[in-house]
């Protein structure tokens, strides 16, 4: 898979002493589930595995920058591209456009306010990445510019970690409790319909290849 991408110059930061070890564990490569008995929550949970890998890449890049190890603007831009393309588009659009509207009136709308909170957290996450993207443009303009990048990146990681845990501990268990098997399958079909163009174009495979390359570049290896 890696061979389909054109070679590019990467700036490595492999020293385990320079880059503070991440608190995030490495997850196995995300693959769309082919299990006919899988639920919508399982699919969304698998996507969080990929998001956590990207958060770890961002954390390692920020740690390298914080320790004056060379990390290029291109490296941060690739991380941002994956976050925008996978986390914010592939994953969050499933929830914003399909899941949350579907769940809005379940059990009389008992989780309506909670779903609204999650939706607003998605908006905040996208705002933070726009801020990060703007800050990265000034990466070569000294220590102050680098500190701003590090601050925004770490705030985003912390925010997303909390958001993911909220969905895993509150949203997904509630969905598994209140939705029927047929309703879970309806959601999966809607997810597939929303992403059909990206799936056909191999977008997920593209991001997987980029993630693997960045993990190698930054000294992160799957267990």
N, C-alpha and C. Protein backbone atom coordinates (compact mmCIF):
# COMPACT_ATOMS: atom_id res chain seq x y z
N UNK A 1 0.82 -1.21 0.00
CA UNK A 1 0.00 0.00 0.00
C UNK A 1 0.86 1.26 0.00
N UNK A 2 1.98 1.20 0.74
CA UNK A 2 2.81 2.37 0.86
C UNK A 2 3.43 2.76 -0.48
N UNK A 3 3.62 1.78 -1.37
CA UNK A 3 4.32 2.01 -2.62
C UNK A 3 3.51 2.82 -3.63
N UNK A 4 2.22 3.02 -3.37
CA UNK A 4 1.41 3.74 -4.34
C UNK A 4 1.56 5.24 -4.20
N UNK A 5 2.24 5.70 -3.17
CA UNK A 5 2.42 7.12 -2.97
C UNK A 5 3.80 7.55 -3.42
N UNK A 6 3.91 8.75 -4.01
CA UNK A 6 5.19 9.26 -4.44
C UNK A 6 6.09 9.49 -3.25
N UNK A 7 7.37 9.22 -3.40
CA UNK A 7 8.31 9.45 -2.30
C UNK A 7 8.35 10.93 -1.96
N UNK A 8 8.61 11.24 -0.73
CA UNK A 8 8.79 12.62 -0.36
C UNK A 8 9.82 12.69 0.75
N UNK A 9 10.41 13.86 0.89
CA UNK A 9 11.46 14.04 1.90
C UNK A 9 10.80 14.20 3.24
N UNK A 10 11.22 13.38 4.20
CA UNK A 10 10.66 13.47 5.53
C UNK A 10 11.75 13.84 6.52
N UNK A 11 11.36 14.59 7.51
CA UNK A 11 12.28 14.96 8.57
C UNK A 11 12.00 14.07 9.75
N UNK A 12 12.95 13.24 10.11
CA UNK A 12 12.71 12.23 11.12
C UNK A 12 12.96 12.77 12.52
N UNK A 13 12.21 12.23 13.44
CA UNK A 13 12.44 12.52 14.86
C UNK A 13 12.27 11.21 15.58
N UNK A 14 13.34 10.42 15.68
CA UNK A 14 13.22 9.05 16.14
C UNK A 14 13.77 8.85 17.55
N UNK A 15 14.38 9.86 18.12
CA UNK A 15 15.01 9.66 19.42
C UNK A 15 13.98 9.48 20.51
N UNK A 16 14.06 8.37 21.20
CA UNK A 16 13.10 8.12 22.29
C UNK A 16 13.36 9.03 23.46
N UNK A 17 14.55 9.61 23.52
CA UNK A 17 14.84 10.53 24.62
C UNK A 17 14.32 11.92 24.31
N UNK A 18 14.31 12.29 23.03
CA UNK A 18 13.86 13.62 22.65
C UNK A 18 12.36 13.74 22.65
N UNK A 19 11.69 12.70 22.22
CA UNK A 19 10.23 12.75 22.10
C UNK A 19 9.60 12.04 23.28
N UNK A 20 8.87 12.78 24.08
CA UNK A 20 8.24 12.20 25.25
C UNK A 20 7.31 11.07 24.85
N UNK A 21 7.40 9.90 25.48
CA UNK A 21 6.51 8.78 25.12
C UNK A 21 5.06 9.17 25.25
N UNK A 22 4.25 8.71 24.34
CA UNK A 22 2.83 9.05 24.35
C UNK A 22 2.07 8.27 25.41
N UNK A 23 0.97 8.87 25.86
CA UNK A 23 0.09 8.18 26.80
C UNK A 23 -0.95 7.35 26.06
N UNK A 24 -1.00 7.47 24.73
CA UNK A 24 -1.98 6.73 23.95
C UNK A 24 -1.39 5.41 23.49
N UNK A 25 -2.15 4.36 23.57
CA UNK A 25 -1.69 3.07 23.06
C UNK A 25 -1.89 3.02 21.55
N UNK A 26 -1.14 2.16 20.90
CA UNK A 26 -1.28 1.98 19.46
C UNK A 26 -2.41 0.98 19.19
N UNK A 27 -3.27 1.34 18.29
CA UNK A 27 -4.37 0.45 17.93
C UNK A 27 -4.08 -0.23 16.60
N UNK A 28 -4.70 -1.35 16.37
CA UNK A 28 -4.54 -2.04 15.10
C UNK A 28 -5.14 -1.19 13.98
N UNK A 29 -4.67 -1.46 12.77
CA UNK A 29 -5.15 -0.70 11.60
C UNK A 29 -6.66 -0.79 11.49
N UNK A 30 -7.24 0.38 11.26
CA UNK A 30 -8.70 0.42 11.09
C UNK A 30 -9.10 -0.21 9.77
N UNK A 31 -10.08 -1.07 9.82
CA UNK A 31 -10.66 -1.63 8.60
C UNK A 31 -12.17 -1.64 8.77
N UNK A 32 -12.88 -1.32 7.72
CA UNK A 32 -14.34 -1.41 7.80
C UNK A 32 -14.73 -2.85 8.10
N UNK A 33 -15.60 -2.99 9.04
CA UNK A 33 -15.98 -4.34 9.46
C UNK A 33 -16.73 -5.06 8.36
N UNK A 34 -16.39 -6.32 8.17
CA UNK A 34 -17.09 -7.15 7.20
C UNK A 34 -17.98 -8.17 7.90
N UNK A 35 -18.07 -8.06 9.21
CA UNK A 35 -18.89 -8.96 10.00
C UNK A 35 -20.36 -8.60 9.82
N UNK A 36 -21.18 -9.49 9.30
CA UNK A 36 -22.59 -9.17 9.06
C UNK A 36 -23.36 -8.93 10.36
N UNK A 37 -22.80 -9.38 11.48
CA UNK A 37 -23.47 -9.19 12.77
C UNK A 37 -22.96 -7.95 13.51
N UNK A 38 -22.09 -7.19 12.88
CA UNK A 38 -21.54 -6.01 13.52
C UNK A 38 -22.61 -4.94 13.70
N UNK A 39 -22.42 -4.09 14.69
CA UNK A 39 -23.37 -3.01 14.96
C UNK A 39 -22.79 -1.68 14.51
N UNK A 40 -23.64 -0.67 14.45
CA UNK A 40 -23.19 0.67 14.10
C UNK A 40 -22.21 1.19 15.13
N UNK A 41 -22.44 0.86 16.39
CA UNK A 41 -21.53 1.32 17.44
C UNK A 41 -20.14 0.69 17.30
N UNK A 42 -20.09 -0.55 16.86
CA UNK A 42 -18.79 -1.21 16.65
C UNK A 42 -18.02 -0.53 15.53
N UNK A 43 -18.71 -0.15 14.48
CA UNK A 43 -18.07 0.54 13.36
C UNK A 43 -17.51 1.88 13.82
N UNK A 44 -18.30 2.64 14.57
CA UNK A 44 -17.85 3.94 15.06
C UNK A 44 -16.69 3.78 16.04
N UNK A 45 -16.75 2.72 16.84
CA UNK A 45 -15.67 2.46 17.79
C UNK A 45 -14.37 2.15 17.06
N UNK A 46 -14.43 1.39 15.98
CA UNK A 46 -13.24 1.10 15.18
C UNK A 46 -12.63 2.39 14.62
N UNK A 47 -13.49 3.32 14.24
CA UNK A 47 -12.97 4.59 13.71
C UNK A 47 -12.26 5.39 14.80
N UNK A 48 -12.69 5.24 16.03
CA UNK A 48 -11.96 5.88 17.13
C UNK A 48 -10.57 5.29 17.30
N UNK A 49 -10.41 4.01 16.98
CA UNK A 49 -9.08 3.41 17.03
C UNK A 49 -8.13 4.16 16.09
N UNK A 50 -8.61 4.45 14.90
CA UNK A 50 -7.80 5.19 13.94
C UNK A 50 -7.54 6.61 14.42
N UNK A 51 -8.57 7.26 14.95
CA UNK A 51 -8.41 8.62 15.46
C UNK A 51 -7.37 8.67 16.56
N UNK A 52 -7.35 7.68 17.43
CA UNK A 52 -6.35 7.64 18.50
C UNK A 52 -4.94 7.49 17.93
N UNK A 53 -4.79 6.74 16.86
CA UNK A 53 -3.48 6.64 16.22
C UNK A 53 -3.04 8.02 15.72
N UNK A 54 -3.96 8.77 15.13
CA UNK A 54 -3.62 10.09 14.60
C UNK A 54 -3.30 11.05 15.75
N UNK A 55 -4.04 10.96 16.84
CA UNK A 55 -3.74 11.79 18.01
C UNK A 55 -2.34 11.50 18.55
N UNK A 56 -1.95 10.24 18.53
CA UNK A 56 -0.62 9.88 19.00
C UNK A 56 0.45 10.44 18.07
N UNK A 57 0.20 10.41 16.76
CA UNK A 57 1.13 11.01 15.81
C UNK A 57 1.28 12.50 16.09
N UNK A 58 0.16 13.19 16.28
CA UNK A 58 0.19 14.62 16.57
C UNK A 58 0.92 14.90 17.88
N UNK A 59 0.70 14.05 18.88
CA UNK A 59 1.37 14.22 20.16
C UNK A 59 2.88 14.06 20.02
N UNK A 60 3.31 13.04 19.29
CA UNK A 60 4.74 12.82 19.11
C UNK A 60 5.39 13.95 18.32
N UNK A 61 4.71 14.43 17.29
CA UNK A 61 5.24 15.56 16.51
C UNK A 61 5.38 16.80 17.39
N UNK A 62 4.39 17.03 18.25
CA UNK A 62 4.43 18.18 19.15
C UNK A 62 5.55 18.04 20.18
N UNK A 63 5.74 16.83 20.70
CA UNK A 63 6.81 16.59 21.65
C UNK A 63 8.19 16.81 21.02
N UNK A 64 8.33 16.37 19.78
CA UNK A 64 9.58 16.59 19.06
C UNK A 64 9.84 18.08 18.90
N UNK A 65 8.82 18.81 18.49
CA UNK A 65 8.95 20.26 18.31
C UNK A 65 9.31 20.93 19.62
N UNK A 66 8.70 20.46 20.71
CA UNK A 66 8.94 21.03 22.03
C UNK A 66 10.37 20.78 22.51
N UNK A 67 11.00 19.73 21.97
CA UNK A 67 12.37 19.39 22.36
C UNK A 67 13.38 19.80 21.29
N UNK A 68 12.97 20.75 20.45
CA UNK A 68 13.85 21.31 19.41
C UNK A 68 14.36 20.27 18.42
N UNK A 69 13.58 19.24 18.22
CA UNK A 69 13.89 18.26 17.18
C UNK A 69 13.17 18.69 15.90
N UNK A 70 13.80 18.50 14.75
CA UNK A 70 13.21 19.01 13.51
C UNK A 70 11.95 18.28 13.07
N UNK A 71 10.87 19.01 12.97
CA UNK A 71 9.62 18.50 12.41
C UNK A 71 9.17 19.51 11.36
N UNK A 72 8.93 19.05 10.16
CA UNK A 72 8.65 19.98 9.07
C UNK A 72 7.20 20.46 9.06
N UNK A 73 6.99 21.57 8.39
CA UNK A 73 5.65 22.08 8.15
C UNK A 73 4.82 21.05 7.39
N UNK A 74 5.46 20.35 6.45
CA UNK A 74 4.77 19.35 5.65
C UNK A 74 4.25 18.19 6.51
N UNK A 75 5.02 17.83 7.54
CA UNK A 75 4.58 16.75 8.44
C UNK A 75 3.31 17.15 9.17
N UNK A 76 3.29 18.36 9.74
CA UNK A 76 2.09 18.82 10.42
C UNK A 76 0.91 18.96 9.46
N UNK A 77 1.18 19.42 8.25
CA UNK A 77 0.09 19.56 7.28
C UNK A 77 -0.50 18.21 6.90
N UNK A 78 0.33 17.17 6.84
CA UNK A 78 -0.19 15.83 6.55
C UNK A 78 -1.06 15.34 7.71
N UNK A 79 -0.63 15.59 8.93
CA UNK A 79 -1.43 15.21 10.10
C UNK A 79 -2.78 15.92 10.06
N UNK A 80 -2.75 17.21 9.77
CA UNK A 80 -3.99 17.99 9.68
C UNK A 80 -4.88 17.48 8.56
N UNK A 81 -4.28 17.09 7.44
CA UNK A 81 -5.07 16.54 6.33
C UNK A 81 -5.81 15.27 6.75
N UNK A 82 -5.13 14.39 7.50
CA UNK A 82 -5.78 13.16 7.96
C UNK A 82 -6.90 13.47 8.94
N UNK A 83 -6.64 14.39 9.85
CA UNK A 83 -7.66 14.76 10.84
C UNK A 83 -8.89 15.33 10.14
N UNK A 84 -8.67 16.25 9.20
CA UNK A 84 -9.80 16.84 8.47
C UNK A 84 -10.52 15.80 7.62
N UNK A 85 -9.75 14.95 6.94
CA UNK A 85 -10.34 14.01 6.02
C UNK A 85 -10.97 12.80 6.67
N UNK A 86 -10.31 12.29 7.71
CA UNK A 86 -10.84 11.08 8.35
C UNK A 86 -11.69 11.41 9.58
N UNK A 87 -11.07 12.02 10.59
CA UNK A 87 -11.80 12.26 11.85
C UNK A 87 -12.99 13.19 11.66
N UNK A 88 -12.76 14.31 10.99
CA UNK A 88 -13.81 15.31 10.87
C UNK A 88 -14.80 15.02 9.75
N UNK A 89 -14.33 14.38 8.68
CA UNK A 89 -15.23 14.12 7.55
C UNK A 89 -15.79 12.70 7.62
N UNK A 90 -14.92 11.70 7.52
CA UNK A 90 -15.42 10.31 7.48
C UNK A 90 -16.19 9.94 8.75
N UNK A 91 -15.65 10.33 9.91
CA UNK A 91 -16.30 9.92 11.16
C UNK A 91 -17.37 10.90 11.62
N UNK A 92 -17.00 12.15 11.81
CA UNK A 92 -17.95 13.09 12.40
C UNK A 92 -19.15 13.35 11.50
N UNK A 93 -18.97 13.29 10.18
CA UNK A 93 -20.13 13.49 9.31
C UNK A 93 -21.14 12.35 9.45
N UNK A 94 -20.66 11.15 9.73
CA UNK A 94 -21.59 10.05 10.00
C UNK A 94 -22.49 10.40 11.18
N UNK A 95 -21.89 10.97 12.20
CA UNK A 95 -22.66 11.30 13.40
C UNK A 95 -23.52 12.54 13.17
N UNK A 96 -22.95 13.58 12.57
CA UNK A 96 -23.68 14.83 12.39
C UNK A 96 -24.86 14.69 11.44
N UNK A 97 -24.64 13.99 10.31
CA UNK A 97 -25.65 13.93 9.26
C UNK A 97 -26.57 12.72 9.35
N UNK A 98 -26.11 11.65 10.01
CA UNK A 98 -26.90 10.42 10.06
C UNK A 98 -27.29 10.05 11.48
N UNK A 99 -26.29 9.84 12.33
CA UNK A 99 -26.54 9.27 13.66
C UNK A 99 -27.37 10.19 14.54
N UNK A 100 -26.91 11.42 14.74
CA UNK A 100 -27.61 12.31 15.67
C UNK A 100 -29.04 12.60 15.25
N UNK A 101 -29.31 12.89 13.96
CA UNK A 101 -30.71 13.07 13.55
C UNK A 101 -31.54 11.80 13.77
N UNK A 102 -30.92 10.63 13.53
CA UNK A 102 -31.62 9.36 13.72
C UNK A 102 -32.00 9.15 15.18
N UNK A 103 -31.10 9.55 16.08
CA UNK A 103 -31.30 9.32 17.52
C UNK A 103 -32.11 10.42 18.21
N UNK A 104 -32.33 11.51 17.52
CA UNK A 104 -32.89 12.71 18.15
C UNK A 104 -34.19 12.45 18.89
N UNK A 105 -35.06 11.61 18.34
CA UNK A 105 -36.37 11.40 18.96
C UNK A 105 -36.52 10.03 19.62
N UNK A 106 -35.41 9.30 19.76
CA UNK A 106 -35.48 8.00 20.43
C UNK A 106 -35.85 8.20 21.89
N UNK A 107 -36.81 7.40 22.35
CA UNK A 107 -37.32 7.49 23.72
C UNK A 107 -37.75 8.91 24.07
N UNK A 108 -38.50 9.52 23.16
CA UNK A 108 -39.04 10.86 23.44
C UNK A 108 -37.99 11.94 23.47
N UNK A 109 -36.87 11.71 22.85
CA UNK A 109 -35.82 12.72 22.81
C UNK A 109 -35.07 12.87 24.11
N UNK A 110 -34.96 11.77 24.88
CA UNK A 110 -34.32 11.86 26.20
C UNK A 110 -32.86 12.27 26.15
N UNK A 111 -32.18 12.02 25.01
CA UNK A 111 -30.77 12.39 24.88
C UNK A 111 -30.58 13.59 23.94
N UNK A 112 -31.64 14.32 23.68
CA UNK A 112 -31.58 15.43 22.73
C UNK A 112 -30.51 16.46 23.10
N UNK A 113 -30.47 16.87 24.35
CA UNK A 113 -29.50 17.87 24.80
C UNK A 113 -28.08 17.31 24.73
N UNK A 114 -27.92 16.05 25.09
CA UNK A 114 -26.62 15.40 25.05
C UNK A 114 -26.10 15.32 23.61
N UNK A 115 -26.98 14.97 22.68
CA UNK A 115 -26.59 14.89 21.28
C UNK A 115 -26.21 16.28 20.75
N UNK A 116 -26.92 17.29 21.20
CA UNK A 116 -26.58 18.67 20.83
C UNK A 116 -25.22 19.06 21.35
N UNK A 117 -24.89 18.61 22.55
CA UNK A 117 -23.57 18.87 23.13
C UNK A 117 -22.47 18.24 22.28
N UNK A 118 -22.67 16.98 21.88
CA UNK A 118 -21.67 16.29 21.06
C UNK A 118 -21.50 16.98 19.71
N UNK A 119 -22.60 17.44 19.14
CA UNK A 119 -22.54 18.15 17.87
C UNK A 119 -21.71 19.42 17.99
N UNK A 120 -21.91 20.16 19.06
CA UNK A 120 -21.15 21.39 19.27
C UNK A 120 -19.67 21.09 19.53
N UNK A 121 -19.39 19.96 20.16
CA UNK A 121 -18.00 19.57 20.36
C UNK A 121 -17.32 19.29 19.02
N UNK A 122 -18.05 18.74 18.07
CA UNK A 122 -17.50 18.54 16.73
C UNK A 122 -17.14 19.88 16.09
N UNK A 123 -18.01 20.86 16.26
CA UNK A 123 -17.75 22.20 15.72
C UNK A 123 -16.48 22.78 16.36
N UNK A 124 -16.36 22.64 17.67
CA UNK A 124 -15.20 23.16 18.39
C UNK A 124 -13.91 22.47 17.94
N UNK A 125 -14.00 21.16 17.71
CA UNK A 125 -12.83 20.41 17.26
C UNK A 125 -12.35 20.92 15.89
N UNK A 126 -13.29 21.16 15.00
CA UNK A 126 -12.91 21.67 13.67
C UNK A 126 -12.32 23.08 13.77
N UNK A 127 -12.85 23.89 14.67
CA UNK A 127 -12.29 25.23 14.89
C UNK A 127 -10.84 25.14 15.37
N UNK A 128 -10.56 24.21 16.27
CA UNK A 128 -9.21 24.05 16.80
C UNK A 128 -8.22 23.63 15.70
N UNK A 129 -8.66 22.77 14.81
CA UNK A 129 -7.77 22.34 13.73
C UNK A 129 -7.54 23.46 12.74
N UNK A 130 -8.53 24.30 12.52
CA UNK A 130 -8.30 25.48 11.68
C UNK A 130 -7.26 26.40 12.33
N UNK A 131 -7.34 26.54 13.65
CA UNK A 131 -6.34 27.34 14.37
C UNK A 131 -4.95 26.72 14.26
N UNK A 132 -4.90 25.39 14.37
CA UNK A 132 -3.62 24.70 14.25
C UNK A 132 -3.03 24.89 12.85
N UNK A 133 -3.86 24.76 11.84
CA UNK A 133 -3.41 24.92 10.47
C UNK A 133 -2.83 26.32 10.24
N UNK A 134 -3.51 27.32 10.79
CA UNK A 134 -3.02 28.70 10.65
C UNK A 134 -1.69 28.87 11.37
N UNK A 135 -1.55 28.28 12.55
CA UNK A 135 -0.32 28.41 13.33
C UNK A 135 0.85 27.72 12.65
N UNK A 136 0.60 26.58 12.01
CA UNK A 136 1.65 25.82 11.34
C UNK A 136 2.29 26.62 10.21
N UNK A 137 1.56 27.55 9.62
CA UNK A 137 2.11 28.38 8.55
C UNK A 137 3.31 29.20 9.01
N UNK A 138 3.43 29.40 10.32
CA UNK A 138 4.52 30.21 10.87
C UNK A 138 5.54 29.37 11.65
N UNK A 139 5.59 28.08 11.36
CA UNK A 139 6.43 27.16 12.13
C UNK A 139 7.90 27.54 12.12
N UNK A 140 8.36 28.20 11.05
CA UNK A 140 9.79 28.52 10.94
C UNK A 140 10.12 29.93 11.43
N UNK A 141 9.17 30.56 12.13
CA UNK A 141 9.38 31.94 12.56
C UNK A 141 9.75 32.05 14.04
N UNK A 142 10.42 31.02 14.55
CA UNK A 142 10.98 31.13 15.89
C UNK A 142 10.24 30.35 16.95
N UNK A 143 10.78 30.46 18.17
CA UNK A 143 10.30 29.68 19.30
C UNK A 143 8.87 30.01 19.68
N UNK A 144 8.48 31.26 19.60
CA UNK A 144 7.12 31.67 19.96
C UNK A 144 6.10 31.01 19.04
N UNK A 145 6.41 30.95 17.75
CA UNK A 145 5.51 30.32 16.79
C UNK A 145 5.37 28.83 17.07
N UNK A 146 6.50 28.18 17.42
CA UNK A 146 6.46 26.75 17.73
C UNK A 146 5.66 26.48 19.00
N UNK A 147 5.81 27.33 20.00
CA UNK A 147 5.06 27.16 21.24
C UNK A 147 3.55 27.24 21.01
N UNK A 148 3.16 28.12 20.08
CA UNK A 148 1.73 28.24 19.77
C UNK A 148 1.21 26.97 19.14
N UNK A 149 1.98 26.39 18.23
CA UNK A 149 1.60 25.13 17.60
C UNK A 149 1.44 24.04 18.64
N UNK A 150 2.42 23.93 19.53
CA UNK A 150 2.40 22.91 20.58
C UNK A 150 1.18 23.08 21.48
N UNK A 151 0.90 24.32 21.86
CA UNK A 151 -0.24 24.60 22.75
C UNK A 151 -1.56 24.20 22.11
N UNK A 152 -1.76 24.57 20.86
CA UNK A 152 -3.01 24.24 20.17
C UNK A 152 -3.13 22.73 19.98
N UNK A 153 -2.03 22.09 19.57
CA UNK A 153 -2.05 20.65 19.32
C UNK A 153 -2.40 19.88 20.59
N UNK A 154 -1.77 20.24 21.69
CA UNK A 154 -2.03 19.53 22.95
C UNK A 154 -3.44 19.78 23.46
N UNK A 155 -3.95 20.99 23.26
CA UNK A 155 -5.33 21.28 23.65
C UNK A 155 -6.31 20.44 22.83
N UNK A 156 -6.03 20.30 21.54
CA UNK A 156 -6.89 19.49 20.68
C UNK A 156 -6.86 18.03 21.10
N UNK A 157 -5.68 17.51 21.38
CA UNK A 157 -5.55 16.11 21.82
C UNK A 157 -6.35 15.86 23.09
N UNK A 158 -6.20 16.76 24.05
CA UNK A 158 -6.93 16.63 25.33
C UNK A 158 -8.44 16.70 25.10
N UNK A 159 -8.86 17.63 24.26
CA UNK A 159 -10.28 17.80 23.97
C UNK A 159 -10.85 16.55 23.31
N UNK A 160 -10.14 16.03 22.32
CA UNK A 160 -10.64 14.87 21.59
C UNK A 160 -10.63 13.62 22.45
N UNK A 161 -9.64 13.48 23.30
CA UNK A 161 -9.59 12.32 24.19
C UNK A 161 -10.82 12.30 25.09
N UNK A 162 -11.19 13.46 25.62
CA UNK A 162 -12.39 13.55 26.47
C UNK A 162 -13.65 13.28 25.66
N UNK A 163 -13.71 13.82 24.45
CA UNK A 163 -14.88 13.63 23.60
C UNK A 163 -15.07 12.16 23.24
N UNK A 164 -14.00 11.49 22.88
CA UNK A 164 -14.07 10.08 22.52
C UNK A 164 -14.53 9.24 23.72
N UNK A 165 -13.97 9.52 24.88
CA UNK A 165 -14.36 8.75 26.07
C UNK A 165 -15.83 8.95 26.42
N UNK A 166 -16.34 10.17 26.18
CA UNK A 166 -17.75 10.44 26.43
C UNK A 166 -18.63 9.59 25.52
N UNK A 167 -18.27 9.52 24.25
CA UNK A 167 -19.08 8.71 23.33
C UNK A 167 -18.97 7.22 23.67
N UNK A 168 -17.76 6.78 24.01
CA UNK A 168 -17.57 5.36 24.31
C UNK A 168 -18.27 4.93 25.60
N UNK A 169 -18.30 5.82 26.58
CA UNK A 169 -18.84 5.45 27.89
C UNK A 169 -20.32 5.79 28.05
N UNK A 170 -20.81 6.75 27.27
CA UNK A 170 -22.21 7.19 27.43
C UNK A 170 -23.04 6.91 26.17
N UNK A 171 -22.60 7.43 25.04
CA UNK A 171 -23.41 7.34 23.82
C UNK A 171 -23.56 5.91 23.33
N UNK A 172 -22.45 5.21 23.14
CA UNK A 172 -22.51 3.87 22.55
C UNK A 172 -23.26 2.87 23.43
N UNK A 173 -23.02 2.83 24.74
CA UNK A 173 -23.81 1.91 25.58
C UNK A 173 -25.30 2.21 25.53
N UNK A 174 -25.65 3.50 25.50
CA UNK A 174 -27.07 3.88 25.41
C UNK A 174 -27.66 3.40 24.09
N UNK A 175 -26.93 3.60 22.98
CA UNK A 175 -27.40 3.14 21.68
C UNK A 175 -27.63 1.63 21.67
N UNK A 176 -26.68 0.89 22.22
CA UNK A 176 -26.80 -0.58 22.24
C UNK A 176 -27.99 -1.04 23.09
N UNK A 177 -28.36 -0.21 24.05
CA UNK A 177 -29.49 -0.54 24.93
C UNK A 177 -30.83 -0.25 24.27
N UNK A 178 -30.92 0.86 23.56
CA UNK A 178 -32.24 1.30 23.08
C UNK A 178 -32.54 0.96 21.62
N UNK A 179 -31.51 0.71 20.81
CA UNK A 179 -31.75 0.44 19.39
C UNK A 179 -31.92 -1.06 19.14
N UNK A 180 -32.84 -1.37 18.24
CA UNK A 180 -33.02 -2.76 17.84
C UNK A 180 -31.92 -3.14 16.84
N UNK A 181 -31.82 -4.45 16.58
CA UNK A 181 -30.85 -4.92 15.60
C UNK A 181 -31.15 -4.32 14.22
N UNK A 182 -32.41 -4.23 13.88
CA UNK A 182 -32.79 -3.66 12.59
C UNK A 182 -32.39 -2.19 12.50
N UNK A 183 -32.55 -1.45 13.58
CA UNK A 183 -32.18 -0.04 13.58
C UNK A 183 -30.66 0.13 13.45
N UNK A 184 -29.90 -0.76 14.10
CA UNK A 184 -28.45 -0.72 13.94
C UNK A 184 -28.07 -0.94 12.47
N UNK A 185 -28.73 -1.88 11.82
CA UNK A 185 -28.43 -2.17 10.42
C UNK A 185 -28.84 -1.02 9.51
N UNK A 186 -29.94 -0.34 9.83
CA UNK A 186 -30.34 0.83 9.06
C UNK A 186 -29.24 1.90 9.13
N UNK A 187 -28.70 2.09 10.31
CA UNK A 187 -27.62 3.07 10.47
C UNK A 187 -26.40 2.70 9.64
N UNK A 188 -26.02 1.42 9.67
CA UNK A 188 -24.86 0.98 8.89
C UNK A 188 -25.08 1.24 7.40
N UNK A 189 -26.27 0.94 6.91
CA UNK A 189 -26.58 1.18 5.51
C UNK A 189 -26.50 2.67 5.17
N UNK A 190 -26.98 3.51 6.08
CA UNK A 190 -26.91 4.95 5.87
C UNK A 190 -25.46 5.44 5.89
N UNK A 191 -24.65 4.87 6.79
CA UNK A 191 -23.23 5.22 6.82
C UNK A 191 -22.56 4.88 5.49
N UNK A 192 -22.86 3.67 5.01
CA UNK A 192 -22.25 3.20 3.75
C UNK A 192 -22.67 4.08 2.58
N UNK A 193 -23.91 4.49 2.57
CA UNK A 193 -24.41 5.35 1.50
C UNK A 193 -23.71 6.70 1.52
N UNK A 194 -23.53 7.25 2.72
CA UNK A 194 -22.87 8.54 2.88
C UNK A 194 -21.43 8.50 2.38
N UNK A 195 -20.76 7.36 2.61
CA UNK A 195 -19.33 7.25 2.30
C UNK A 195 -19.03 6.50 1.01
N UNK A 196 -20.06 6.17 0.25
CA UNK A 196 -19.85 5.33 -0.93
C UNK A 196 -18.78 5.88 -1.88
N UNK A 197 -18.84 7.16 -2.14
CA UNK A 197 -17.90 7.77 -3.08
C UNK A 197 -16.47 7.66 -2.55
N UNK A 198 -16.28 7.93 -1.25
CA UNK A 198 -14.94 7.85 -0.67
C UNK A 198 -14.43 6.41 -0.65
N UNK A 199 -15.32 5.47 -0.32
CA UNK A 199 -14.93 4.06 -0.28
C UNK A 199 -14.50 3.59 -1.66
N UNK A 200 -15.29 3.94 -2.67
CA UNK A 200 -14.98 3.55 -4.04
C UNK A 200 -13.66 4.15 -4.52
N UNK A 201 -13.35 5.34 -4.02
CA UNK A 201 -12.14 6.04 -4.45
C UNK A 201 -10.91 5.62 -3.64
N UNK A 202 -11.09 4.75 -2.64
CA UNK A 202 -9.96 4.28 -1.84
C UNK A 202 -9.44 5.30 -0.85
N UNK A 203 -10.32 6.20 -0.40
CA UNK A 203 -9.89 7.27 0.52
C UNK A 203 -9.40 6.69 1.84
N UNK A 204 -10.09 5.68 2.38
CA UNK A 204 -9.67 5.10 3.66
C UNK A 204 -8.28 4.46 3.55
N UNK A 205 -8.03 3.79 2.43
CA UNK A 205 -6.72 3.18 2.22
C UNK A 205 -5.64 4.25 2.12
N UNK A 206 -5.97 5.38 1.51
CA UNK A 206 -5.03 6.50 1.42
C UNK A 206 -4.63 6.98 2.80
N UNK A 207 -5.61 7.18 3.68
CA UNK A 207 -5.30 7.68 5.01
C UNK A 207 -4.54 6.63 5.84
N UNK A 208 -4.86 5.35 5.64
CA UNK A 208 -4.14 4.31 6.34
C UNK A 208 -2.66 4.34 5.95
N UNK A 209 -2.38 4.50 4.67
CA UNK A 209 -0.99 4.56 4.20
C UNK A 209 -0.28 5.78 4.77
N UNK A 210 -0.96 6.91 4.82
CA UNK A 210 -0.37 8.13 5.38
C UNK A 210 -0.07 7.96 6.86
N UNK A 211 -1.00 7.34 7.60
CA UNK A 211 -0.80 7.10 9.03
C UNK A 211 0.41 6.21 9.27
N UNK A 212 0.51 5.12 8.52
CA UNK A 212 1.64 4.21 8.68
C UNK A 212 2.96 4.91 8.39
N UNK A 213 2.99 5.75 7.37
CA UNK A 213 4.21 6.45 7.00
C UNK A 213 4.61 7.45 8.10
N UNK A 214 3.63 8.17 8.65
CA UNK A 214 3.92 9.13 9.71
C UNK A 214 4.35 8.43 10.99
N UNK A 215 3.74 7.28 11.29
CA UNK A 215 4.16 6.51 12.47
C UNK A 215 5.62 6.09 12.34
N UNK A 216 6.01 5.65 11.16
CA UNK A 216 7.40 5.26 10.93
C UNK A 216 8.33 6.48 11.03
N UNK A 217 7.89 7.57 10.46
CA UNK A 217 8.68 8.80 10.47
C UNK A 217 8.95 9.29 11.89
N UNK A 218 7.91 9.18 12.74
CA UNK A 218 8.01 9.73 14.09
C UNK A 218 8.34 8.70 15.15
N UNK A 219 8.72 7.49 14.70
CA UNK A 219 9.16 6.48 15.64
C UNK A 219 8.05 5.81 16.40
N UNK A 220 6.87 5.68 15.78
CA UNK A 220 5.73 5.02 16.41
C UNK A 220 5.50 3.72 15.67
N UNK A 221 5.37 2.63 16.42
CA UNK A 221 5.19 1.34 15.77
C UNK A 221 4.03 0.59 16.41
N UNK A 222 3.21 -0.02 15.58
CA UNK A 222 2.06 -0.79 16.07
C UNK A 222 2.53 -1.99 16.86
N UNK A 223 1.79 -2.29 17.92
CA UNK A 223 2.12 -3.44 18.76
C UNK A 223 1.71 -4.72 18.06
